[in-house]
Amino acid sequence: MLARVTDNTSMCNLDKGDLLREVTVKIGLERIDTQEGIMVEALLDSRATGLVMSSEFTRKQRFKLKRLDRPIYVRNVDGLLNKEGPIEHTVEVNIYYQGHRERTEIDVIRRQKWTVILGMP
């Protein structure tokens, strides 16, 4: 999993096996440009301070990418730069959960194990 730090310069990468218990929820994601939606299982991660989406999922579902002005460099828990490279794009979506809708941007990360990770703001 990835956790975005508040200074916007690095992230932590933890394997799914590092968690004692994984909590997931079914959410709806809606593409802003076409209003097409899809249901996904998202991981809730209280250690993450942002939202991330798999680049493979983004490409498969044809989400419109928005290039960041500055890349966000990703660091693993051990402090080394992630070999997958920096975050260079976000996607703007509507997230639906139990009757609530929120429009937000989600960071796109390469080779992510989860389709979507929902962190704490």
N, C-alpha and C. Protein backbone atom coordinates (compact mmCIF):
# COMPACT_ATOMS: atom_id res chain seq x y z
N MET A 1 0.82 -1.17 0.00
CA MET A 1 0.00 0.00 0.00
C MET A 1 0.86 1.23 0.00
N LEU A 2 0.28 2.33 -0.37
CA LEU A 2 1.01 3.58 -0.43
C LEU A 2 0.35 4.58 0.51
N ALA A 3 1.16 5.38 1.13
CA ALA A 3 0.65 6.42 2.00
C ALA A 3 1.32 7.73 1.63
N ARG A 4 0.55 8.70 1.24
CA ARG A 4 1.09 9.99 0.83
C ARG A 4 1.38 10.80 2.09
N VAL A 5 2.55 11.38 2.15
CA VAL A 5 2.88 12.21 3.31
C VAL A 5 2.43 13.63 3.06
N THR A 6 2.25 14.38 4.14
CA THR A 6 1.66 15.70 4.02
C THR A 6 2.55 16.71 3.31
N ASP A 7 3.86 16.48 3.25
CA ASP A 7 4.73 17.44 2.56
C ASP A 7 4.73 17.22 1.05
N ASN A 8 3.97 16.23 0.57
CA ASN A 8 3.77 15.99 -0.86
C ASN A 8 5.06 15.61 -1.57
N THR A 9 6.05 15.06 -0.85
CA THR A 9 7.30 14.71 -1.50
C THR A 9 7.59 13.22 -1.51
N SER A 10 6.92 12.44 -0.69
CA SER A 10 7.21 11.01 -0.68
C SER A 10 6.00 10.22 -0.22
N MET A 11 6.09 8.92 -0.43
CA MET A 11 5.04 8.01 -0.01
C MET A 11 5.70 6.77 0.58
N CYS A 12 4.94 6.01 1.34
CA CYS A 12 5.44 4.75 1.88
C CYS A 12 4.80 3.60 1.13
N ASN A 13 5.56 2.57 0.86
CA ASN A 13 5.05 1.42 0.13
C ASN A 13 5.12 0.21 1.06
N LEU A 14 3.96 -0.35 1.42
CA LEU A 14 3.89 -1.51 2.28
C LEU A 14 3.23 -2.64 1.53
N ASP A 15 3.70 -3.83 1.70
CA ASP A 15 3.06 -4.99 1.09
C ASP A 15 1.77 -5.30 1.83
N LYS A 16 0.81 -5.91 1.11
CA LYS A 16 -0.46 -6.28 1.74
C LYS A 16 -0.23 -7.20 2.93
N GLY A 17 0.79 -8.02 2.91
CA GLY A 17 1.07 -8.94 4.00
C GLY A 17 1.49 -8.25 5.28
N ASP A 18 1.86 -6.96 5.21
CA ASP A 18 2.25 -6.21 6.39
C ASP A 18 1.06 -5.85 7.28
N LEU A 19 -0.15 -5.94 6.75
CA LEU A 19 -1.33 -5.58 7.52
C LEU A 19 -1.82 -6.76 8.34
N LEU A 20 -2.30 -6.46 9.53
CA LEU A 20 -2.89 -7.52 10.35
C LEU A 20 -4.28 -7.86 9.83
N ARG A 21 -5.01 -6.85 9.40
CA ARG A 21 -6.36 -7.06 8.88
C ARG A 21 -6.63 -6.04 7.79
N GLU A 22 -7.17 -6.49 6.69
CA GLU A 22 -7.49 -5.60 5.59
C GLU A 22 -8.98 -5.31 5.61
N VAL A 23 -9.32 -4.04 5.51
CA VAL A 23 -10.72 -3.63 5.48
C VAL A 23 -11.00 -3.03 4.11
N THR A 24 -11.98 -3.60 3.43
CA THR A 24 -12.34 -3.13 2.10
C THR A 24 -13.81 -2.73 2.07
N VAL A 25 -14.13 -1.85 1.12
CA VAL A 25 -15.51 -1.43 0.90
C VAL A 25 -15.77 -1.39 -0.60
N LYS A 26 -17.01 -1.63 -0.97
CA LYS A 26 -17.42 -1.48 -2.36
C LYS A 26 -17.80 -0.01 -2.56
N ILE A 27 -17.20 0.60 -3.57
CA ILE A 27 -17.50 2.00 -3.90
C ILE A 27 -17.81 2.10 -5.38
N GLY A 28 -18.50 3.15 -5.74
CA GLY A 28 -18.72 3.46 -7.14
C GLY A 28 -17.76 4.55 -7.57
N LEU A 29 -17.20 4.41 -8.75
CA LEU A 29 -16.36 5.44 -9.35
C LEU A 29 -17.01 5.88 -10.65
N GLU A 30 -17.11 7.18 -10.84
CA GLU A 30 -17.71 7.71 -12.06
C GLU A 30 -16.71 8.57 -12.81
N ARG A 31 -16.53 8.27 -14.07
CA ARG A 31 -15.69 9.12 -14.93
C ARG A 31 -16.39 10.45 -15.11
N ILE A 32 -15.66 11.53 -14.94
CA ILE A 32 -16.23 12.88 -15.06
C ILE A 32 -16.60 13.19 -16.50
N ASP A 33 -15.77 12.78 -17.45
CA ASP A 33 -15.99 13.15 -18.85
C ASP A 33 -17.18 12.44 -19.49
N THR A 34 -17.48 11.21 -19.07
CA THR A 34 -18.55 10.45 -19.72
C THR A 34 -19.70 10.08 -18.79
N GLN A 35 -19.53 10.31 -17.51
CA GLN A 35 -20.49 9.91 -16.48
C GLN A 35 -20.71 8.40 -16.43
N GLU A 36 -19.77 7.62 -16.96
CA GLU A 36 -19.84 6.17 -16.87
C GLU A 36 -19.31 5.75 -15.51
N GLY A 37 -19.97 4.75 -14.91
CA GLY A 37 -19.58 4.32 -13.58
C GLY A 37 -19.19 2.86 -13.51
N ILE A 38 -18.47 2.52 -12.45
CA ILE A 38 -18.06 1.14 -12.20
C ILE A 38 -17.97 0.94 -10.69
N MET A 39 -18.31 -0.26 -10.24
CA MET A 39 -18.17 -0.62 -8.83
C MET A 39 -16.81 -1.29 -8.64
N VAL A 40 -16.11 -0.93 -7.57
CA VAL A 40 -14.81 -1.53 -7.26
C VAL A 40 -14.73 -1.81 -5.77
N GLU A 41 -13.82 -2.72 -5.43
CA GLU A 41 -13.51 -2.97 -4.03
C GLU A 41 -12.28 -2.14 -3.70
N ALA A 42 -12.42 -1.22 -2.73
CA ALA A 42 -11.32 -0.34 -2.36
C ALA A 42 -10.81 -0.71 -0.97
N LEU A 43 -9.52 -0.58 -0.79
CA LEU A 43 -8.91 -0.83 0.50
C LEU A 43 -8.97 0.44 1.34
N LEU A 44 -9.45 0.33 2.57
CA LEU A 44 -9.39 1.44 3.53
C LEU A 44 -8.07 1.32 4.27
N ASP A 45 -7.29 2.38 4.26
CA ASP A 45 -5.97 2.34 4.90
C ASP A 45 -5.80 3.58 5.77
N SER A 46 -5.89 3.39 7.08
CA SER A 46 -5.78 4.52 8.00
C SER A 46 -4.37 5.09 8.05
N ARG A 47 -3.39 4.35 7.53
CA ARG A 47 -2.02 4.88 7.49
C ARG A 47 -1.77 5.74 6.25
N ALA A 48 -2.60 5.61 5.25
CA ALA A 48 -2.45 6.41 4.04
C ALA A 48 -3.09 7.78 4.27
N THR A 49 -2.47 8.80 3.72
CA THR A 49 -3.01 10.15 3.88
C THR A 49 -3.50 10.72 2.55
N GLY A 50 -3.86 9.84 1.64
CA GLY A 50 -4.37 10.27 0.35
C GLY A 50 -5.10 9.14 -0.33
N LEU A 51 -5.42 9.37 -1.59
CA LEU A 51 -6.14 8.39 -2.41
C LEU A 51 -5.24 8.00 -3.56
N VAL A 52 -5.16 6.70 -3.85
CA VAL A 52 -4.37 6.24 -4.99
C VAL A 52 -5.17 5.23 -5.80
N MET A 53 -4.86 5.20 -7.10
CA MET A 53 -5.51 4.29 -8.02
C MET A 53 -4.43 3.63 -8.88
N SER A 54 -4.62 2.39 -9.19
CA SER A 54 -3.72 1.63 -10.04
C SER A 54 -3.70 2.19 -11.46
N SER A 55 -2.50 2.36 -12.02
CA SER A 55 -2.40 2.85 -13.40
C SER A 55 -2.98 1.84 -14.39
N GLU A 56 -2.85 0.56 -14.08
CA GLU A 56 -3.41 -0.47 -14.96
C GLU A 56 -4.94 -0.35 -15.00
N PHE A 57 -5.55 -0.17 -13.84
CA PHE A 57 -7.00 0.00 -13.77
C PHE A 57 -7.43 1.28 -14.49
N THR A 58 -6.67 2.35 -14.29
CA THR A 58 -6.96 3.63 -14.92
C THR A 58 -6.98 3.48 -16.44
N ARG A 59 -5.97 2.80 -16.95
CA ARG A 59 -5.88 2.60 -18.41
C ARG A 59 -7.02 1.70 -18.91
N LYS A 60 -7.28 0.61 -18.20
CA LYS A 60 -8.32 -0.33 -18.61
C LYS A 60 -9.71 0.33 -18.64
N GLN A 61 -9.97 1.19 -17.68
CA GLN A 61 -11.28 1.85 -17.59
C GLN A 61 -11.33 3.17 -18.35
N ARG A 62 -10.22 3.55 -18.97
CA ARG A 62 -10.14 4.76 -19.80
C ARG A 62 -10.44 6.05 -19.04
N PHE A 63 -9.94 6.14 -17.81
CA PHE A 63 -10.07 7.39 -17.07
C PHE A 63 -9.18 8.44 -17.72
N LYS A 64 -9.63 9.67 -17.73
CA LYS A 64 -8.86 10.78 -18.31
C LYS A 64 -7.78 11.19 -17.31
N LEU A 65 -6.53 11.12 -17.73
CA LEU A 65 -5.40 11.47 -16.87
C LEU A 65 -5.13 12.97 -16.90
N LYS A 66 -4.78 13.50 -15.73
CA LYS A 66 -4.37 14.90 -15.61
C LYS A 66 -2.91 14.90 -15.15
N ARG A 67 -2.03 15.48 -15.95
CA ARG A 67 -0.60 15.51 -15.61
C ARG A 67 -0.35 16.51 -14.48
N LEU A 68 0.44 16.08 -13.50
CA LEU A 68 0.81 16.95 -12.39
C LEU A 68 1.87 17.96 -12.85
N ASP A 69 1.86 19.14 -12.27
CA ASP A 69 2.89 20.13 -12.57
C ASP A 69 4.26 19.64 -12.13
N ARG A 70 4.29 18.99 -10.97
CA ARG A 70 5.53 18.41 -10.43
C ARG A 70 5.23 16.98 -10.02
N PRO A 71 6.12 16.05 -10.35
CA PRO A 71 5.90 14.66 -9.94
C PRO A 71 6.01 14.52 -8.42
N ILE A 72 5.33 13.50 -7.89
CA ILE A 72 5.41 13.17 -6.47
C ILE A 72 6.29 11.93 -6.37
N TYR A 73 7.45 12.07 -5.74
CA TYR A 73 8.37 10.95 -5.63
C TYR A 73 7.91 10.00 -4.55
N VAL A 74 8.03 8.73 -4.83
CA VAL A 74 7.53 7.67 -3.97
C VAL A 74 8.70 7.02 -3.25
N ARG A 75 8.58 6.92 -1.94
CA ARG A 75 9.60 6.24 -1.14
C ARG A 75 8.98 5.04 -0.45
N ASN A 76 9.74 3.98 -0.37
CA ASN A 76 9.33 2.79 0.36
C ASN A 76 9.52 3.02 1.85
N VAL A 77 9.01 2.11 2.66
CA VAL A 77 9.15 2.20 4.10
C VAL A 77 10.62 2.30 4.51
N ASP A 78 11.50 1.62 3.78
CA ASP A 78 12.92 1.64 4.11
C ASP A 78 13.62 2.93 3.69
N GLY A 79 12.88 3.87 3.11
CA GLY A 79 13.43 5.16 2.74
C GLY A 79 13.97 5.24 1.33
N LEU A 80 14.08 4.11 0.64
CA LEU A 80 14.58 4.11 -0.73
C LEU A 80 13.49 4.54 -1.70
N LEU A 81 13.90 5.19 -2.78
CA LEU A 81 12.94 5.57 -3.82
C LEU A 81 12.31 4.33 -4.42
N ASN A 82 11.01 4.39 -4.65
CA ASN A 82 10.29 3.28 -5.25
C ASN A 82 10.75 3.11 -6.69
N LYS A 83 11.03 1.87 -7.09
CA LYS A 83 11.54 1.60 -8.43
C LYS A 83 10.52 1.85 -9.53
N GLU A 84 9.24 1.99 -9.17
CA GLU A 84 8.20 2.23 -10.17
C GLU A 84 8.15 3.69 -10.61
N GLY A 85 8.91 4.55 -9.94
CA GLY A 85 8.98 5.95 -10.34
C GLY A 85 7.94 6.82 -9.64
N PRO A 86 7.97 8.11 -9.94
CA PRO A 86 7.09 9.06 -9.26
C PRO A 86 5.65 9.01 -9.78
N ILE A 87 4.76 9.60 -9.02
CA ILE A 87 3.39 9.81 -9.46
C ILE A 87 3.41 11.02 -10.37
N GLU A 88 2.90 10.86 -11.58
CA GLU A 88 2.91 11.94 -12.56
C GLU A 88 1.52 12.38 -12.99
N HIS A 89 0.49 11.59 -12.59
CA HIS A 89 -0.88 11.88 -13.03
C HIS A 89 -1.88 11.70 -11.89
N THR A 90 -3.00 12.35 -12.05
CA THR A 90 -4.16 12.11 -11.21
C THR A 90 -5.36 11.89 -12.13
N VAL A 91 -6.45 11.40 -11.55
CA VAL A 91 -7.71 11.32 -12.27
C VAL A 91 -8.77 12.00 -11.40
N GLU A 92 -9.68 12.69 -12.04
CA GLU A 92 -10.79 13.31 -11.33
C GLU A 92 -12.00 12.41 -11.48
N VAL A 93 -12.62 12.05 -10.36
CA VAL A 93 -13.75 11.13 -10.35
C VAL A 93 -14.80 11.59 -9.35
N ASN A 94 -15.97 11.04 -9.50
CA ASN A 94 -16.97 11.07 -8.44
C ASN A 94 -16.91 9.72 -7.75
N ILE A 95 -16.80 9.74 -6.43
CA ILE A 95 -16.81 8.52 -5.63
C ILE A 95 -18.18 8.43 -4.97
N TYR A 96 -18.80 7.25 -5.06
CA TYR A 96 -20.10 7.01 -4.45
C TYR A 96 -19.96 5.94 -3.38
N TYR A 97 -20.55 6.23 -2.21
CA TYR A 97 -20.56 5.25 -1.13
C TYR A 97 -21.78 5.49 -0.25
N GLN A 98 -22.63 4.51 -0.15
CA GLN A 98 -23.83 4.54 0.69
C GLN A 98 -24.61 5.85 0.56
N GLY A 99 -24.92 6.22 -0.67
CA GLY A 99 -25.73 7.40 -0.92
C GLY A 99 -24.96 8.72 -0.89
N HIS A 100 -23.69 8.70 -0.59
CA HIS A 100 -22.87 9.91 -0.56
C HIS A 100 -22.06 9.98 -1.85
N ARG A 101 -21.92 11.19 -2.39
CA ARG A 101 -21.11 11.41 -3.59
C ARG A 101 -20.10 12.49 -3.30
N GLU A 102 -18.86 12.25 -3.72
CA GLU A 102 -17.82 13.26 -3.56
C GLU A 102 -16.95 13.29 -4.80
N ARG A 103 -16.74 14.49 -5.31
CA ARG A 103 -15.86 14.68 -6.46
C ARG A 103 -14.45 14.91 -5.92
N THR A 104 -13.47 14.17 -6.45
CA THR A 104 -12.11 14.27 -5.92
C THR A 104 -11.10 13.87 -6.98
N GLU A 105 -9.84 14.16 -6.70
CA GLU A 105 -8.74 13.71 -7.55
C GLU A 105 -8.02 12.57 -6.84
N ILE A 106 -7.64 11.57 -7.61
CA ILE A 106 -6.94 10.41 -7.07
C ILE A 106 -5.59 10.30 -7.77
N ASP A 107 -4.52 10.12 -6.98
CA ASP A 107 -3.19 9.92 -7.55
C ASP A 107 -3.14 8.57 -8.26
N VAL A 108 -2.45 8.53 -9.39
CA VAL A 108 -2.30 7.30 -10.16
C VAL A 108 -0.89 6.77 -9.94
N ILE A 109 -0.79 5.51 -9.52
CA ILE A 109 0.50 4.90 -9.21
C ILE A 109 0.68 3.64 -10.05
N ARG A 110 1.89 3.42 -10.50
CA ARG A 110 2.18 2.23 -11.31
C ARG A 110 2.26 0.98 -10.44
N ARG A 111 1.84 -0.13 -11.02
CA ARG A 111 1.98 -1.47 -10.42
C ARG A 111 1.43 -1.54 -8.99
N GLN A 112 0.29 -0.96 -8.77
CA GLN A 112 -0.38 -0.97 -7.48
C GLN A 112 -1.12 -2.29 -7.30
N LYS A 113 -1.06 -2.90 -6.13
CA LYS A 113 -1.74 -4.17 -5.89
C LYS A 113 -3.25 -4.00 -5.78
N TRP A 114 -3.70 -2.89 -5.26
CA TRP A 114 -5.13 -2.63 -5.10
C TRP A 114 -5.59 -1.70 -6.20
N THR A 115 -6.84 -1.86 -6.63
CA THR A 115 -7.41 -0.97 -7.64
C THR A 115 -7.45 0.46 -7.11
N VAL A 116 -7.99 0.61 -5.89
CA VAL A 116 -8.10 1.91 -5.25
C VAL A 116 -7.77 1.76 -3.77
N ILE A 117 -7.01 2.72 -3.24
CA ILE A 117 -6.77 2.78 -1.79
C ILE A 117 -7.33 4.11 -1.30
N LEU A 118 -8.16 4.03 -0.28
CA LEU A 118 -8.74 5.21 0.35
C LEU A 118 -8.02 5.47 1.66
N GLY A 119 -7.28 6.56 1.74
CA GLY A 119 -6.59 6.93 2.96
C GLY A 119 -7.37 7.97 3.72
N MET A 120 -6.82 8.34 4.85
CA MET A 120 -7.43 9.38 5.68
C MET A 120 -6.92 10.74 5.23
N PRO A 121 -7.81 11.75 5.20
CA PRO A 121 -7.35 13.09 4.76
C PRO A 121 -6.42 13.72 5.78
